[in-house]
Amino acid sequence: MFFVTSAFSYTPQYLDSEKTKPLRWDQKVIKISISKSLLESPNNLKTNKDIFKVVQESLNQWQNVSNIKFQLEVSDELSVSQAGKVGDGISLITIAQTPENILLFGDKANEVSALTQIFYDKNGIISEADIVLNPIHLFSTDGTFGTFDLQATLTHEVGHLLGLDHSKIIGSTMHTHQGKNGIYDLPGFNSRTISEDDTAGIISLYGKKSDNQKCCGAIDGRLTNVNEVNLSEYHIWAEEIETGKVVAGVLSNSKGNFYLEGLDKGSYRLYAQPIYKGSLYSIITLGEFDIETDSTVNLEEEVDIKLKRFEAKYVGFNGQLSTIAVPVNQGKKFLIYIGGKNFSAEDIEITINSPYFIIDEKSLTEHKYQKDVSVVSFELELSENTPFGEYSIQVKNQRENTSYIVGGITVGKLVNPWSI
């Protein structure tokens, strides 16, 4: 029997509610077909690049770090397989404006840039995965404002094709929200390259490259709470102690069990965010852990869950608030915004757990946006040798409750010209 699902931290997609059977391919070589609809200059795609090479670059992001390979072909097929059936055996990437492709988006057609449909058997083994670029949206390869970046979109969807779900680390390629070109007045190129969180996720499914001597260790954990709150799950993530970079995150199952793997040899600080719809809980620090190659650290922790009255939910730049990470550069200074609920510049402290960042405490400034949205800006300076990667913004109020924007700052090669 075969099943089908559509994918809109790394967090694998699972067959079971206990999250013990991740969806994955068992083929050594995964065949992917590019529909001619994508290669024949569709009206909703502005490009200055070879599309075949753009697709190949998106695939390379994943096969360069894990034990998988792709074989790329061209197909005359325009439409994906119909949901609910076994499929036609062709893993297709298409942008064709056919009824089958459009209907797949349902009532989310105006919101979603692309969708990946996965066929798998009762053991969670993937047999086919189709990627549909939404035919009613505009795409580009040159950063045209108001369009979705084609390569960034494909890199995200290939992660779904391989079995990854959305991540809660907002600087990761697999984060839920993908911004258009023009967010923060910048091109949306960041998700063209995968983050360390994405890398850990794909290694957890398919293993590491043979030449990666530092990888991999894991943390096998179980969280219970002294408050006996019936939580749905926890978001758990690890940050390097030396640099402060976010390296991996995962969701627990409903019983608090989690398995965080794909970690390089090193020392990490582990955090947890209790998740329960309608309630805000303070971040929990689980401790510091040394990870060795090919070893697993076992953790069983009873945690004290505290409700908090405030939340830092959005990050911002150039006066705009979003759930998209802000790209910054080494040796520069930037004006960063945070937005959320029930805080002000007078009652919070903002930090980044990294020696490479300096926050000017005197620069905290409160802004008026809209009712029930708190907004504060601050000046952030990076050292010349800040390592590339994602970093979290920590917000603490006077009651010592904490809120994190996990991976809200991303340091990389993309030039942000709007420095102070």
Protein backbone atom coordinates (compact mmCIF):
# COMPACT_ATOMS: atom_id res chain seq x y z
CA MET A 1 0.00 0.00 0.00
CA PHE A 2 1.22 3.49 -0.80
CA PHE A 3 0.37 6.82 0.79
CA VAL A 4 0.75 10.44 -0.24
CA THR A 5 1.45 13.62 1.69
CA SER A 6 2.01 17.25 0.76
CA ALA A 7 4.68 19.33 2.50
CA PHE A 8 4.17 22.98 2.78
CA SER A 9 14.39 22.21 12.13
CA TYR A 10 15.45 20.28 10.88
CA THR A 11 12.46 18.10 11.38
CA PRO A 12 12.01 14.94 9.33
CA GLN A 13 8.55 14.04 8.13
CA TYR A 14 7.34 10.99 10.04
CA LEU A 15 5.10 8.06 9.27
CA ASP A 16 3.95 7.69 12.88
CA SER A 17 2.79 10.11 15.59
CA GLU A 18 5.54 8.90 17.95
CA LYS A 19 8.13 10.13 15.41
CA THR A 20 10.07 6.89 15.18
CA LYS A 21 9.74 6.21 11.43
CA PRO A 22 11.01 9.10 9.27
CA LEU A 23 10.16 9.26 5.57
CA ARG A 24 13.22 8.63 3.40
CA TRP A 25 14.44 7.19 0.13
CA ASP A 26 16.33 3.88 0.17
CA GLN A 27 17.68 4.26 -3.37
CA LYS A 28 21.37 5.03 -3.83
CA VAL A 29 20.57 7.30 -6.76
CA ILE A 30 17.41 9.44 -6.84
CA LYS A 31 16.17 10.23 -10.34
CA ILE A 32 14.67 13.70 -10.79
CA SER A 33 12.98 14.89 -14.00
CA ILE A 34 12.73 18.56 -15.01
CA SER A 35 9.51 19.23 -16.89
CA LYS A 36 9.95 20.97 -20.23
CA SER A 37 7.51 23.54 -18.85
CA LEU A 38 10.33 24.90 -16.69
CA LEU A 39 12.95 24.89 -19.44
CA GLU A 40 10.89 26.61 -22.14
CA SER A 41 10.90 30.14 -20.66
CA PRO A 42 7.50 30.25 -18.92
CA ASN A 43 5.84 33.66 -18.72
CA ASN A 44 6.04 33.79 -14.91
CA LEU A 45 9.81 33.21 -14.77
CA LYS A 46 12.36 35.97 -15.34
CA THR A 47 15.79 34.43 -15.72
CA ASN A 48 19.33 35.26 -16.73
CA LYS A 49 20.62 31.76 -16.02
CA ASP A 50 20.56 28.23 -17.43
CA ILE A 51 17.58 26.67 -15.61
CA PHE A 52 19.06 23.18 -15.78
CA LYS A 53 22.10 24.48 -13.88
CA VAL A 54 19.89 26.29 -11.35
CA VAL A 55 18.11 23.01 -10.55
CA GLN A 56 21.43 21.19 -10.35
CA GLU A 57 22.77 23.77 -7.88
CA SER A 58 19.74 23.23 -5.63
CA LEU A 59 20.29 19.48 -5.69
CA ASN A 60 24.01 19.92 -5.04
CA GLN A 61 23.30 21.73 -1.78
CA TRP A 62 21.98 18.47 -0.34
CA GLN A 63 24.12 15.84 -2.05
CA ASN A 64 27.35 17.71 -1.26
CA VAL A 65 26.89 17.20 2.50
CA SER A 66 25.21 13.78 2.76
CA ASN A 67 25.32 10.28 1.41
CA ILE A 68 22.85 10.76 -1.46
CA LYS A 69 23.14 11.31 -5.21
CA PHE A 70 20.78 12.70 -7.83
CA GLN A 71 20.40 11.86 -11.49
CA LEU A 72 18.84 14.77 -13.37
CA GLU A 73 16.81 14.24 -16.55
CA VAL A 74 14.38 16.18 -18.78
CA SER A 75 10.76 15.08 -19.21
CA ASP A 76 7.85 15.98 -21.51
CA GLU A 77 5.49 15.50 -18.56
CA LEU A 78 3.70 18.65 -17.40
CA SER A 79 1.51 17.52 -14.48
CA VAL A 80 2.30 15.81 -11.22
CA SER A 81 0.72 12.52 -10.23
CA GLN A 82 -2.74 12.77 -8.74
CA ALA A 83 -2.88 12.67 -4.96
CA GLY A 84 -4.13 9.48 -3.39
CA LYS A 85 -2.66 7.17 -6.02
CA VAL A 86 0.61 5.30 -6.24
CA GLY A 87 1.97 7.82 -8.72
CA ASP A 88 3.45 7.49 -12.17
CA GLY A 89 6.97 6.71 -11.01
CA ILE A 90 8.40 10.04 -12.23
CA SER A 91 9.70 12.50 -9.65
CA LEU A 92 8.90 15.69 -11.51
CA ILE A 93 9.75 19.37 -11.10
CA THR A 94 7.16 21.42 -12.99
CA ILE A 95 5.74 24.92 -13.32
CA ALA A 96 3.08 24.10 -15.93
CA GLN A 97 -0.29 25.82 -15.55
CA THR A 98 -2.32 22.61 -15.81
CA PRO A 99 -5.53 21.94 -13.83
CA GLU A 100 -3.82 19.10 -11.93
CA ASN A 101 -0.99 21.34 -10.78
CA ILE A 102 -3.18 24.28 -9.81
CA LEU A 103 -5.73 22.16 -7.93
CA LEU A 104 -2.96 20.70 -5.80
CA PHE A 105 -2.62 24.05 -3.98
CA GLY A 106 -6.30 24.23 -3.04
CA ASP A 107 -7.22 27.38 -1.11
CA LYS A 108 -3.53 28.20 -0.46
CA ALA A 109 -2.78 29.04 -4.09
CA ASN A 110 -2.34 32.75 -3.34
CA GLU A 111 0.03 32.12 -0.43
CA VAL A 112 2.30 29.20 -1.27
CA SER A 113 5.21 29.53 -3.73
CA ALA A 114 5.63 25.80 -4.28
CA LEU A 115 4.47 22.44 -3.01
CA THR A 116 6.08 19.01 -2.78
CA GLN A 117 3.97 15.87 -2.97
CA ILE A 118 5.51 12.68 -1.59
CA PHE A 119 4.46 9.07 -2.20
CA TYR A 120 5.66 6.47 0.31
CA ASP A 121 4.84 2.94 1.49
CA LYS A 122 3.78 1.58 4.87
CA ASN A 123 7.42 1.53 6.02
CA GLY A 124 7.97 5.19 5.19
CA ILE A 125 10.10 4.48 2.11
CA ILE A 126 9.64 7.21 -0.50
CA SER A 127 8.96 5.99 -4.03
CA GLU A 128 8.21 9.31 -5.74
CA ALA A 129 8.21 13.02 -4.97
CA ASP A 130 6.89 15.79 -7.22
CA ILE A 131 7.69 19.51 -6.88
CA VAL A 132 5.19 22.03 -8.27
CA LEU A 133 6.26 25.66 -8.61
CA ASN A 134 3.05 27.63 -8.22
CA PRO A 135 2.05 28.67 -11.78
CA ILE A 136 0.24 31.80 -10.56
CA HIS A 137 3.30 33.30 -8.82
CA LEU A 138 6.29 35.10 -10.31
CA PHE A 139 9.81 33.67 -10.05
CA SER A 140 13.22 35.02 -11.02
CA THR A 141 16.93 34.24 -10.84
CA ASP A 142 18.16 37.84 -10.82
CA GLY A 143 16.64 39.15 -7.58
CA THR A 144 13.73 41.02 -9.17
CA PHE A 145 11.76 42.56 -6.29
CA GLY A 146 8.33 41.07 -5.69
CA THR A 147 9.25 37.67 -7.13
CA PHE A 148 10.30 34.41 -5.48
CA ASP A 149 13.90 33.39 -6.06
CA LEU A 150 13.81 30.21 -8.14
CA GLN A 151 16.93 28.61 -6.71
CA ALA A 152 15.99 29.36 -3.09
CA THR A 153 12.50 27.93 -3.66
CA LEU A 154 13.85 24.77 -5.26
CA THR A 155 16.47 24.22 -2.55
CA HIS A 156 13.71 24.37 0.07
CA GLU A 157 11.43 22.01 -1.85
CA VAL A 158 14.23 19.50 -2.50
CA GLY A 159 14.57 19.28 1.29
CA HIS A 160 10.90 18.23 1.41
CA LEU A 161 11.46 15.82 -1.47
CA LEU A 162 14.16 14.13 0.62
CA GLY A 163 11.89 13.79 3.65
CA LEU A 164 12.50 16.93 5.71
CA ASP A 165 9.62 18.90 7.22
CA HIS A 166 9.75 22.57 8.21
CA SER A 167 12.26 23.84 10.77
CA LYS A 168 11.58 26.33 13.56
CA ILE A 169 15.04 27.85 13.13
CA ILE A 170 14.17 30.84 11.00
CA GLY A 171 17.59 31.20 9.37
CA SER A 172 17.41 27.68 7.94
CA THR A 173 16.47 26.90 4.35
CA MET A 174 13.74 24.59 5.67
CA HIS A 175 12.10 27.30 7.78
CA THR A 176 8.33 27.53 7.23
CA HIS A 177 8.34 30.99 5.65
CA GLN A 178 10.17 31.94 2.49
CA GLY A 179 10.41 35.61 1.71
CA LYS A 180 10.12 37.20 -1.69
CA ASN A 181 12.87 39.30 -3.17
CA GLY A 182 12.52 42.74 -1.57
CA ILE A 183 11.96 41.72 2.06
CA TYR A 184 14.18 44.16 4.02
CA ASP A 185 14.93 45.76 0.60
CA LEU A 186 17.25 42.85 -0.16
CA PRO A 187 17.27 39.97 -2.65
CA GLY A 188 15.99 36.68 -1.21
CA PHE A 189 19.10 34.63 -1.93
CA ASN A 190 19.86 33.31 1.56
CA SER A 191 17.94 30.05 1.18
CA ARG A 192 19.91 29.10 -1.93
CA THR A 193 22.48 27.61 0.44
CA ILE A 194 21.54 25.29 3.28
CA SER A 195 22.29 26.04 6.94
CA GLU A 196 23.97 23.87 9.55
CA ASP A 197 20.51 22.94 10.82
CA ASP A 198 19.55 21.73 7.33
CA THR A 199 22.83 19.83 7.06
CA ALA A 200 22.27 18.06 10.38
CA GLY A 201 18.77 17.14 9.26
CA ILE A 202 19.77 15.56 5.97
CA ILE A 203 22.66 13.69 7.60
CA SER A 204 20.20 12.27 10.13
CA LEU A 205 18.30 10.69 7.24
CA TYR A 206 21.04 9.63 4.84
CA GLY A 207 24.34 9.69 6.71
CA LYS A 208 27.45 11.79 6.35
CA LYS A 209 29.96 12.07 3.55
CA SER A 210 32.84 9.62 4.05
CA ASP A 211 35.39 12.46 4.25
CA ASN A 212 33.59 14.23 7.12
CA GLN A 213 35.74 13.17 10.06
CA LYS A 214 34.14 15.53 12.64
CA CYS A 215 30.61 14.18 12.24
CA CYS A 216 28.54 12.86 13.87
CA GLY A 217 27.28 12.56 17.39
CA ALA A 218 23.77 12.73 18.84
CA ILE A 219 21.71 13.54 21.92
CA ASP A 220 18.99 11.05 22.86
CA GLY A 221 16.66 12.82 25.26
CA ARG A 222 13.42 12.76 27.15
CA LEU A 223 11.81 15.78 28.83
CA THR A 224 9.14 15.68 31.51
CA ASN A 225 7.72 18.66 33.39
CA VAL A 226 7.12 19.14 37.08
CA ASN A 227 4.01 21.20 36.34
CA GLU A 228 2.23 18.28 34.65
CA VAL A 229 1.24 20.54 31.77
CA ASN A 230 -0.12 18.54 28.82
CA LEU A 231 2.21 19.87 26.12
CA SER A 232 2.02 18.81 22.49
CA GLU A 233 5.81 18.95 21.99
CA TYR A 234 9.05 20.81 22.62
CA HIS A 235 11.33 22.59 20.20
CA ILE A 236 14.90 21.63 21.16
CA TRP A 237 17.96 23.24 19.61
CA ALA A 238 21.72 23.26 20.10
CA GLU A 239 24.15 26.18 19.93
CA GLU A 240 27.94 25.93 19.80
CA ILE A 241 29.39 27.19 23.08
CA GLU A 242 32.52 28.62 21.43
CA THR A 243 30.81 30.60 18.64
CA GLY A 244 27.14 30.80 19.67
CA LYS A 245 25.99 29.48 16.29
CA VAL A 246 22.73 27.54 16.04
CA VAL A 247 23.69 24.16 14.61
CA ALA A 248 20.60 21.95 14.83
CA GLY A 249 17.04 21.80 16.10
CA VAL A 250 14.33 19.18 16.31
CA LEU A 251 10.80 18.72 17.65
CA SER A 252 10.05 16.17 20.34
CA ASN A 253 7.08 13.86 20.19
CA SER A 254 4.09 14.34 22.48
CA LYS A 255 5.81 12.37 25.26
CA GLY A 256 8.85 14.65 25.28
CA ASN A 257 11.17 12.19 23.53
CA PHE A 258 13.64 13.57 20.97
CA TYR A 259 16.72 12.51 19.05
CA LEU A 260 19.03 15.33 17.94
CA GLU A 261 21.69 13.99 15.60
CA GLY A 262 24.09 15.15 12.91
CA LEU A 263 26.19 17.11 15.46
CA ASP A 264 29.90 17.65 14.81
CA LYS A 265 32.39 16.85 17.56
CA GLY A 266 32.35 19.80 19.97
CA SER A 267 30.68 21.45 22.96
CA TYR A 268 27.06 22.63 22.82
CA ARG A 269 24.47 24.39 24.92
CA LEU A 270 20.99 22.89 24.63
CA TYR A 271 17.69 24.79 24.88
CA ALA A 272 14.01 23.83 24.84
CA GLN A 273 10.85 25.77 24.04
CA PRO A 274 7.62 24.17 25.30
CA ILE A 275 4.94 24.40 22.64
CA TYR A 276 1.28 24.58 23.45
CA LYS A 277 -1.31 26.41 21.38
CA GLY A 278 -2.51 29.60 23.00
CA SER A 279 0.11 29.72 25.79
CA LEU A 280 3.56 31.31 26.00
CA TYR A 281 6.28 29.51 27.93
CA SER A 282 9.73 30.72 28.88
CA ILE A 283 12.80 29.17 27.25
CA ILE A 284 14.47 26.37 29.23
CA THR A 285 18.25 25.91 29.32
CA LEU A 286 18.94 22.17 29.45
CA GLY A 287 22.70 22.39 30.02
CA GLU A 288 26.03 22.01 28.25
CA PHE A 289 27.12 18.82 26.50
CA ASP A 290 30.31 17.52 24.90
CA ILE A 291 29.68 15.56 21.73
CA GLU A 292 32.12 12.98 20.38
CA THR A 293 32.16 11.46 16.90
CA ASP A 294 29.98 8.35 16.55
CA SER A 295 28.67 8.64 20.11
CA THR A 296 25.34 9.45 21.76
CA VAL A 297 24.70 11.49 24.90
CA ASN A 298 21.67 10.37 26.90
CA LEU A 299 19.55 13.01 28.61
CA GLU A 300 16.51 12.65 30.85
CA GLU A 301 15.41 15.92 32.41
CA GLU A 302 12.49 17.07 34.51
CA VAL A 303 11.93 20.72 33.65
CA ASP A 304 10.11 23.55 35.36
CA ILE A 305 7.80 25.20 32.84
CA LYS A 306 7.03 28.87 33.41
CA LEU A 307 4.41 30.95 31.68
CA LYS A 308 5.55 34.34 30.43
CA ARG A 309 3.55 37.43 29.60
CA PHE A 310 5.71 38.62 26.74
CA GLU A 311 6.99 37.23 23.46
CA ALA A 312 9.67 38.20 20.95
CA LYS A 313 8.26 36.76 17.75
CA TYR A 314 9.48 38.85 14.82
CA VAL A 315 12.84 40.07 13.64
CA GLY A 316 13.21 43.14 11.44
CA PHE A 317 15.40 45.34 9.33
CA ASN A 318 14.97 48.58 7.36
CA GLY A 319 11.82 49.24 9.38
CA GLN A 320 10.19 45.96 8.30
CA LEU A 321 9.16 43.13 10.63
CA SER A 322 9.10 39.54 9.41
CA THR A 323 9.76 35.91 10.26
CA ILE A 324 12.68 35.90 7.82
CA ALA A 325 16.23 35.98 9.22
CA VAL A 326 18.16 39.23 8.77
CA PRO A 327 21.35 38.79 6.69
CA VAL A 328 24.37 40.69 8.08
CA ASN A 329 28.08 40.86 7.28
CA GLN A 330 31.37 40.60 9.14
CA GLY A 331 32.92 43.80 10.47
CA LYS A 332 29.76 45.88 9.95
CA LYS A 333 27.13 47.52 12.15
CA PHE A 334 23.38 47.14 11.59
CA LEU A 335 20.12 48.44 13.06
CA ILE A 336 18.01 45.40 13.99
CA TYR A 337 14.36 45.33 15.07
CA ILE A 338 12.45 42.83 17.19
CA GLY A 339 8.68 42.66 17.45
CA GLY A 340 6.20 40.79 19.60
CA LYS A 341 3.95 41.27 22.61
CA ASN A 342 4.07 43.05 25.96
CA PHE A 343 7.59 44.45 26.17
CA SER A 344 9.31 47.83 25.96
CA ALA A 345 12.84 49.17 25.71
CA GLU A 346 12.84 49.89 29.47
CA ASP A 347 12.05 46.40 30.72
CA ILE A 348 14.06 44.05 28.50
CA GLU A 349 17.67 43.03 27.94
CA ILE A 350 18.75 41.87 24.47
CA THR A 351 21.75 39.55 24.02
CA ILE A 352 23.32 37.19 21.49
CA ASN A 353 25.24 34.28 23.01
CA SER A 354 28.36 34.87 20.93
CA PRO A 355 31.64 36.70 21.52
CA TYR A 356 31.54 38.00 17.94
CA PHE A 357 28.61 40.39 18.46
CA ILE A 358 28.33 43.66 20.37
CA ILE A 359 24.91 45.14 21.19
CA ASP A 360 24.85 48.83 22.07
CA GLU A 361 22.61 48.78 25.15
CA LYS A 362 22.10 52.55 24.96
CA SER A 363 20.71 52.23 21.43
CA LEU A 364 17.50 50.41 22.45
CA THR A 365 14.66 52.44 20.99
CA GLU A 366 10.93 51.82 21.16
CA HIS A 367 8.80 52.23 18.02
CA LYS A 368 5.09 52.60 17.34
CA TYR A 369 3.81 50.13 14.75
CA GLN A 370 0.31 48.88 15.34
CA LYS A 371 -1.87 48.11 18.32
CA ASP A 372 -0.81 45.11 20.39
CA VAL A 373 2.60 44.85 18.66
CA SER A 374 5.69 45.81 20.68
CA VAL A 375 8.73 46.90 18.64
CA VAL A 376 12.25 47.76 19.78
CA SER A 377 15.36 48.43 17.68
CA PHE A 378 19.04 48.13 18.64
CA GLU A 379 22.46 48.56 17.07
CA LEU A 380 24.37 45.35 16.39
CA GLU A 381 28.08 45.25 15.53
CA LEU A 382 29.92 42.21 14.18
CA SER A 383 33.62 41.46 14.50
CA GLU A 384 35.71 40.99 11.37
CA ASN A 385 36.07 37.24 11.94
CA THR A 386 32.48 36.32 12.86
CA PRO A 387 31.90 32.74 11.64
CA PHE A 388 29.26 32.25 8.96
CA GLY A 389 26.04 30.78 10.28
CA GLU A 390 22.82 31.48 12.17
CA TYR A 391 22.58 33.16 15.59
CA SER A 392 19.70 33.61 18.03
CA ILE A 393 18.47 36.83 19.59
CA GLN A 394 17.71 36.39 23.29
CA VAL A 395 15.24 38.72 24.99
CA LYS A 396 14.96 38.66 28.79
CA ASN A 397 12.53 40.69 30.88
CA GLN A 398 12.83 41.87 34.48
CA ARG A 399 11.19 38.69 35.76
CA GLU A 400 14.03 36.66 34.23
CA ASN A 401 11.72 35.07 31.68
CA THR A 402 13.31 34.60 28.29
CA SER A 403 12.15 34.55 24.68
CA TYR A 404 14.31 33.56 21.73
CA ILE A 405 14.20 34.38 18.04
CA VAL A 406 16.05 31.21 17.06
CA GLY A 407 18.40 31.75 14.14
CA GLY A 408 17.09 35.28 13.57
CA ILE A 409 20.49 36.62 12.47
CA THR A 410 22.39 35.00 9.59
CA VAL A 411 26.00 35.81 8.73
CA GLY A 412 27.11 34.91 5.22
CA LYS A 413 28.43 35.96 1.83
CA LEU A 414 25.28 37.78 0.75
CA VAL A 415 26.19 41.47 0.91
CA ASN A 416 23.82 43.63 2.93
CA PRO A 417 24.61 47.21 1.83
CA TRP A 418 22.36 48.77 4.46
CA SER A 419 24.93 48.84 7.25
CA ILE A 420 25.17 51.79 9.63
